[in-house]
Amino acid sequence: MSRFITSLNTRPVLVADGAMGTMLHKAGLLLGVAPERWNLENPAAVRAVYKAYLDAGADLILTNTFGGTPIRLEREGLHAQAYALNTAAAQLAREVVGDQALVLGDIGPTGQILEPLGTLPYAEAVRGFAVQAGALSESGVDAILIETMSDLGEAIAAIEGVRQATDLPILVTMSFDSKGRTMMGVKPEKAAETLWGMGVAVIGANCGRTLSETLTAVLKMRATVPEAVLMAKPNAGLPHAEGGELVYEVTPEIMADYAQRFVTEAGVKIFGGCCGSTPEHIRAVAAVLKTL
């Protein structure tokens, strides 16, 4: 049995980390530049983010590979470096956390729309996800997280690609940010039914607009599939411009209060933060959840 499944089965709740992009931008990464570049170009900055979340109490550290499919990296001409960028991210995470936490290989959407609505062939998407999952798996991650999915078809392609490359446990979360549905119109109930039916280890919701909307989505997933193992990693609310910077409205204290609600009301097994969340948010969450 994998370290991840063992932890999932023996711990009351696991605390995931917070935003990677938010922290790297604070460290000087320019908007519009792929964060994955820094896995090779500025590894010290990436390592520092991992360490900050580990010190804050996170049990699960995500690799800096959200946009690491070769399909998405092609935007910046980094297609040929997909393997190296993903490998570096995973190795840096493992160096930092050792055995103190688990490392999740992070896989986000390709940034393209699958046929027939878009131009990306399903088989090409599967191949791209398999390349990324293979690099992450070979570099020692404990499980694979497929996150921020809007299209159920792309989520399925990602699961298929991961399974072609590795037998590591798979977690899948979707972003419900459009009046209770994903941007592509998927309802939480449909997502839960489909994804849990594919035999993955964990399903859930991440990103989104507000903590309350994400909680509502997760509650609907729970009601649809009562036996599902659920995860939530919501944004720190919505950002607003302040002094030329984006500031998120949710404080660490508010996120900690909601974290407790996600666990007690929806039975969430894993909770962390997405966009706008920081080590301070995760420290507050860990302080609350580790007393349950």
Protein backbone atom coordinates (compact mmCIF):
# COMPACT_ATOMS: atom_id res chain seq x y z
CA MET A 1 0.00 0.00 0.00
CA SER A 2 1.33 3.47 -0.92
CA ARG A 3 2.38 6.03 1.68
CA PHE A 4 -0.39 8.30 0.47
CA ILE A 5 -3.16 5.71 0.90
CA THR A 6 -1.79 4.73 4.29
CA SER A 7 -1.89 8.35 5.44
CA LEU A 8 -5.37 8.79 3.99
CA ASN A 9 -6.63 5.74 5.88
CA THR A 10 -4.95 6.44 9.21
CA ARG A 11 -5.13 10.24 9.62
CA PRO A 12 -8.40 12.06 10.51
CA VAL A 13 -7.63 14.84 8.02
CA LEU A 14 -4.69 15.89 5.86
CA VAL A 15 -3.67 19.51 5.33
CA ALA A 16 -2.59 20.42 1.80
CA ASP A 17 -0.47 23.44 0.95
CA GLY A 18 -1.56 26.79 -0.48
CA ALA A 19 -0.97 28.74 -3.67
CA MET A 20 2.28 28.33 -5.57
CA GLY A 21 1.81 31.06 -8.19
CA THR A 22 0.85 33.65 -5.57
CA MET A 23 4.07 33.01 -3.69
CA LEU A 24 6.33 32.94 -6.75
CA HIS A 25 4.90 36.25 -7.98
CA LYS A 26 5.72 37.74 -4.57
CA ALA A 27 9.25 36.44 -5.11
CA GLY A 28 9.54 38.25 -8.44
CA LEU A 29 8.07 35.96 -11.09
CA LEU A 30 6.55 38.17 -13.77
CA LEU A 31 2.90 37.78 -14.67
CA GLY A 32 2.49 35.72 -17.82
CA VAL A 33 5.71 33.77 -17.31
CA ALA A 34 5.27 30.03 -16.77
CA PRO A 35 6.03 29.27 -13.09
CA GLU A 36 7.52 25.95 -14.20
CA ARG A 37 10.47 27.86 -15.70
CA TRP A 38 11.75 28.54 -12.21
CA ASN A 39 12.14 24.83 -11.46
CA LEU A 40 15.34 25.09 -13.51
CA GLU A 41 16.04 28.83 -13.62
CA ASN A 42 15.39 29.76 -9.98
CA PRO A 43 15.16 26.54 -7.95
CA ALA A 44 15.94 28.35 -4.70
CA ALA A 45 12.68 30.30 -4.96
CA VAL A 46 10.65 27.16 -5.63
CA ARG A 47 12.39 25.35 -2.79
CA ALA A 48 11.60 28.27 -0.46
CA VAL A 49 7.86 28.01 -1.20
CA TYR A 50 7.85 24.28 -0.52
CA LYS A 51 9.70 24.89 2.76
CA ALA A 52 7.33 27.66 3.84
CA TYR A 53 4.29 25.41 3.45
CA LEU A 54 6.03 22.50 5.16
CA ASP A 55 6.90 24.74 8.11
CA ALA A 56 3.30 25.99 8.19
CA GLY A 57 2.07 22.46 8.85
CA ALA A 58 1.13 21.11 5.43
CA ASP A 59 1.01 17.32 5.14
CA LEU A 60 0.81 17.44 1.34
CA ILE A 61 3.12 19.54 -0.83
CA LEU A 62 2.19 20.05 -4.50
CA THR A 63 4.89 20.21 -7.13
CA ASN A 64 5.31 23.42 -9.13
CA THR A 65 3.96 21.76 -12.27
CA PHE A 66 0.36 22.98 -12.65
CA GLY A 67 1.02 24.00 -16.27
CA GLY A 68 3.51 21.23 -16.90
CA THR A 69 1.90 19.29 -19.72
CA PRO A 70 3.93 19.58 -22.92
CA ILE A 71 0.76 20.94 -24.53
CA ARG A 72 0.55 23.92 -22.17
CA LEU A 73 4.31 24.49 -22.06
CA GLU A 74 4.31 24.87 -25.84
CA ARG A 75 2.91 28.40 -25.33
CA GLU A 76 6.37 29.50 -24.22
CA GLY A 77 8.34 27.20 -26.44
CA LEU A 78 9.10 24.87 -23.54
CA HIS A 79 7.56 21.74 -25.05
CA ALA A 80 10.91 19.94 -25.32
CA GLN A 81 11.70 20.68 -21.66
CA ALA A 82 8.52 19.16 -20.25
CA TYR A 83 10.29 16.14 -18.78
CA ALA A 84 13.12 18.19 -17.26
CA LEU A 85 10.82 20.83 -15.77
CA ASN A 86 8.52 18.27 -14.14
CA THR A 87 11.42 16.16 -12.90
CA ALA A 88 13.13 19.18 -11.34
CA ALA A 89 9.95 20.28 -9.56
CA ALA A 90 9.40 16.85 -8.02
CA GLN A 91 13.03 16.41 -7.01
CA LEU A 92 13.12 19.85 -5.35
CA ALA A 93 9.97 19.00 -3.38
CA ARG A 94 11.37 15.68 -2.23
CA GLU A 95 14.65 17.31 -1.20
CA VAL A 96 12.76 19.82 0.94
CA VAL A 97 10.17 17.58 2.60
CA GLY A 98 12.07 14.31 2.91
CA ASP A 99 9.78 12.06 4.92
CA GLN A 100 8.12 14.91 6.80
CA ALA A 101 5.27 15.23 4.28
CA LEU A 102 3.89 13.67 1.12
CA VAL A 103 4.54 15.07 -2.35
CA LEU A 104 1.68 15.31 -4.85
CA GLY A 105 2.56 15.59 -8.53
CA ASP A 106 0.39 18.50 -9.67
CA ILE A 107 -1.31 18.33 -13.09
CA GLY A 108 -3.53 21.15 -14.34
CA PRO A 109 -5.52 21.56 -17.56
CA THR A 110 -3.86 21.88 -20.95
CA GLY A 111 -5.33 25.32 -21.57
CA GLN A 112 -6.99 24.05 -24.73
CA ILE A 113 -10.50 22.76 -25.44
CA LEU A 114 -10.98 19.18 -26.56
CA GLU A 115 -12.67 18.28 -29.81
CA PRO A 116 -15.40 18.65 -30.97
CA LEU A 117 -15.90 22.00 -29.20
CA GLY A 118 -12.21 22.81 -29.57
CA THR A 119 -9.26 21.64 -31.62
CA LEU A 120 -7.36 19.39 -29.20
CA PRO A 121 -7.76 15.68 -30.07
CA TYR A 122 -8.55 13.48 -27.07
CA ALA A 123 -5.67 11.10 -27.84
CA GLU A 124 -3.19 14.01 -27.94
CA ALA A 125 -4.41 15.20 -24.55
CA VAL A 126 -3.96 11.72 -23.11
CA ARG A 127 -0.39 11.57 -24.47
CA GLY A 128 0.45 14.95 -22.96
CA PHE A 129 -0.84 13.98 -19.53
CA ALA A 130 1.03 10.68 -19.73
CA VAL A 131 4.33 12.46 -20.43
CA GLN A 132 3.89 14.71 -17.42
CA ALA A 133 2.71 11.92 -15.10
CA GLY A 134 5.62 9.74 -16.16
CA ALA A 135 8.17 12.41 -15.26
CA LEU A 136 6.52 13.09 -11.91
CA SER A 137 6.22 9.41 -11.05
CA GLU A 138 9.82 8.65 -11.93
CA SER A 139 10.94 11.53 -9.71
CA GLY A 140 9.40 10.10 -6.56
CA VAL A 141 6.03 11.76 -5.95
CA ASP A 142 3.60 9.90 -3.68
CA ALA A 143 0.43 10.49 -5.71
CA ILE A 144 -0.87 12.49 -8.67
CA LEU A 145 -3.32 15.39 -8.27
CA ILE A 146 -5.32 16.39 -11.35
CA GLU A 147 -6.81 19.78 -10.47
CA THR A 148 -8.78 22.83 -11.62
CA MET A 149 -10.55 20.89 -14.34
CA SER A 150 -13.58 22.45 -16.04
CA ASP A 151 -14.21 19.86 -18.76
CA LEU A 152 -15.14 16.39 -17.56
CA GLY A 153 -13.77 14.99 -20.82
CA GLU A 154 -10.37 16.53 -20.14
CA ALA A 155 -10.42 15.19 -16.58
CA ILE A 156 -11.07 11.71 -17.97
CA ALA A 157 -8.26 12.14 -20.50
CA ALA A 158 -5.94 13.13 -17.66
CA ILE A 159 -6.89 10.06 -15.63
CA GLU A 160 -6.27 7.85 -18.65
CA GLY A 161 -2.91 9.51 -19.32
CA VAL A 162 -1.79 9.15 -15.71
CA ARG A 163 -2.77 5.49 -15.68
CA GLN A 164 -0.75 4.85 -18.82
CA ALA A 165 2.33 6.18 -17.02
CA THR A 166 2.00 5.04 -13.41
CA ASP A 167 -0.04 3.12 -10.87
CA LEU A 168 0.23 5.87 -8.23
CA PRO A 169 -3.00 6.96 -6.48
CA ILE A 170 -4.93 9.66 -8.35
CA LEU A 171 -6.81 12.64 -6.90
CA VAL A 172 -9.10 14.73 -9.13
CA THR A 173 -10.64 18.11 -8.36
CA MET A 174 -12.74 20.39 -10.53
CA SER A 175 -13.35 24.14 -10.31
CA PHE A 176 -16.99 25.13 -9.81
CA ASP A 177 -16.90 28.83 -10.54
CA SER A 178 -19.87 29.57 -12.81
CA LYS A 179 -23.14 29.66 -10.85
CA GLY A 180 -22.49 26.30 -9.23
CA ARG A 181 -21.03 24.67 -12.33
CA THR A 182 -17.64 24.54 -13.96
CA MET A 183 -16.83 26.93 -16.81
CA MET A 184 -17.81 24.10 -19.17
CA GLY A 185 -21.15 23.58 -17.44
CA VAL A 186 -20.40 20.50 -15.35
CA LYS A 187 -22.44 20.15 -12.16
CA PRO A 188 -20.84 18.85 -8.94
CA GLU A 189 -23.24 15.91 -8.91
CA LYS A 190 -22.22 14.78 -12.40
CA ALA A 191 -18.55 15.25 -11.64
CA ALA A 192 -18.77 13.20 -8.45
CA GLU A 193 -20.70 10.38 -10.05
CA THR A 194 -18.35 10.15 -13.05
CA LEU A 195 -15.00 10.63 -11.35
CA TRP A 196 -15.65 8.38 -8.35
CA GLY A 197 -16.94 5.77 -10.77
CA MET A 198 -13.51 5.71 -12.41
CA GLY A 199 -11.92 4.33 -9.28
CA VAL A 200 -9.71 7.26 -8.30
CA ALA A 201 -8.61 7.67 -4.68
CA VAL A 202 -9.98 11.16 -4.02
CA ILE A 203 -12.35 13.61 -5.73
CA GLY A 204 -13.33 17.16 -4.90
CA ALA A 205 -13.24 20.85 -5.72
CA ASN A 206 -10.52 23.48 -5.88
CA CYS A 207 -10.07 27.08 -6.95
CA GLY A 208 -13.58 28.53 -7.53
CA ARG A 209 -14.87 31.96 -6.61
CA THR A 210 -15.69 31.90 -2.91
CA LEU A 211 -15.29 29.55 0.03
CA SER A 212 -19.06 29.28 0.44
CA GLU A 213 -19.61 28.34 -3.22
CA THR A 214 -16.89 25.70 -3.05
CA LEU A 215 -18.39 24.31 0.16
CA THR A 216 -21.78 24.09 -1.55
CA ALA A 217 -20.24 22.17 -4.45
CA VAL A 218 -18.49 19.74 -2.12
CA LEU A 219 -21.69 19.17 -0.13
CA LYS A 220 -23.46 18.27 -3.39
CA MET A 221 -20.66 15.83 -4.23
CA ARG A 222 -21.02 14.26 -0.78
CA ALA A 223 -24.79 13.91 -1.19
CA THR A 224 -24.37 12.29 -4.62
CA VAL A 225 -21.63 9.83 -3.62
CA PRO A 226 -21.75 9.42 0.18
CA GLU A 227 -18.84 6.98 0.22
CA ALA A 228 -16.45 9.25 -1.72
CA VAL A 229 -13.17 10.50 -0.21
CA LEU A 230 -13.35 14.26 -0.67
CA MET A 231 -10.82 17.07 -1.01
CA ALA A 232 -11.25 20.84 -1.07
CA LYS A 233 -8.64 23.46 -1.95
CA PRO A 234 -10.53 26.75 -2.39
CA ASN A 235 -9.21 30.17 -3.30
CA ALA A 236 -8.75 32.81 -0.62
CA GLY A 237 -11.84 34.52 -2.00
CA LEU A 238 -11.81 36.97 -4.88
CA PRO A 239 -8.95 39.41 -5.51
CA HIS A 240 -9.19 43.18 -5.78
CA ALA A 241 -6.64 45.76 -6.82
CA GLU A 242 -4.96 47.62 -3.98
CA GLY A 243 -1.88 49.78 -4.43
CA GLY A 244 -1.16 48.20 -7.80
CA GLU A 245 -1.31 44.67 -6.39
CA LEU A 246 -3.96 41.97 -6.24
CA VAL A 247 -5.18 41.44 -2.69
CA TYR A 248 -7.40 38.50 -1.72
CA GLU A 249 -10.26 39.11 0.70
CA VAL A 250 -10.10 35.95 2.83
CA THR A 251 -7.92 36.18 5.92
CA PRO A 252 -6.15 33.17 7.46
CA GLU A 253 -8.71 33.21 10.28
CA ILE A 254 -11.65 33.05 7.88
CA MET A 255 -10.07 30.24 5.91
CA ALA A 256 -9.43 28.29 9.11
CA ASP A 257 -13.07 28.68 10.14
CA TYR A 258 -14.20 27.40 6.77
CA ALA A 259 -11.71 24.55 6.87
CA GLN A 260 -13.43 23.28 9.99
CA ARG A 261 -16.82 23.56 8.24
CA PHE A 262 -15.56 21.63 5.22
CA VAL A 263 -14.47 18.81 7.51
CA THR A 264 -17.41 18.75 9.92
CA GLU A 265 -20.21 19.45 7.42
CA ALA A 266 -18.93 17.75 4.26
CA GLY A 267 -16.58 15.15 5.69
CA VAL A 268 -13.65 16.45 3.66
CA LYS A 269 -10.52 14.37 4.22
CA ILE A 270 -8.04 16.81 2.63
CA PHE A 271 -8.16 20.61 2.88
CA GLY A 272 -5.77 23.23 1.55
CA GLY A 273 -5.77 26.58 -0.20
CA CYS A 274 -5.61 27.65 -3.85
CA CYS A 275 -5.12 31.09 -5.42
CA GLY A 276 -4.33 33.85 -2.95
CA SER A 277 -3.60 31.54 -0.04
CA THR A 278 -0.25 31.76 1.73
CA PRO A 279 1.71 29.90 4.40
CA GLU A 280 -0.13 32.06 6.96
CA HIS A 281 -3.45 30.66 5.72
CA ILE A 282 -2.16 27.10 5.90
CA ARG A 283 -0.69 27.64 9.37
CA ALA A 284 -4.11 28.80 10.61
CA VAL A 285 -5.84 25.86 8.89
CA ALA A 286 -3.40 23.34 10.33
CA ALA A 287 -3.82 24.76 13.83
CA VAL A 288 -7.56 24.13 13.64
CA LEU A 289 -7.72 20.85 11.73
CA LYS A 290 -4.99 19.06 13.63
CA THR A 291 -7.01 19.36 16.83
CA LEU A 292 -10.02 17.52 15.38
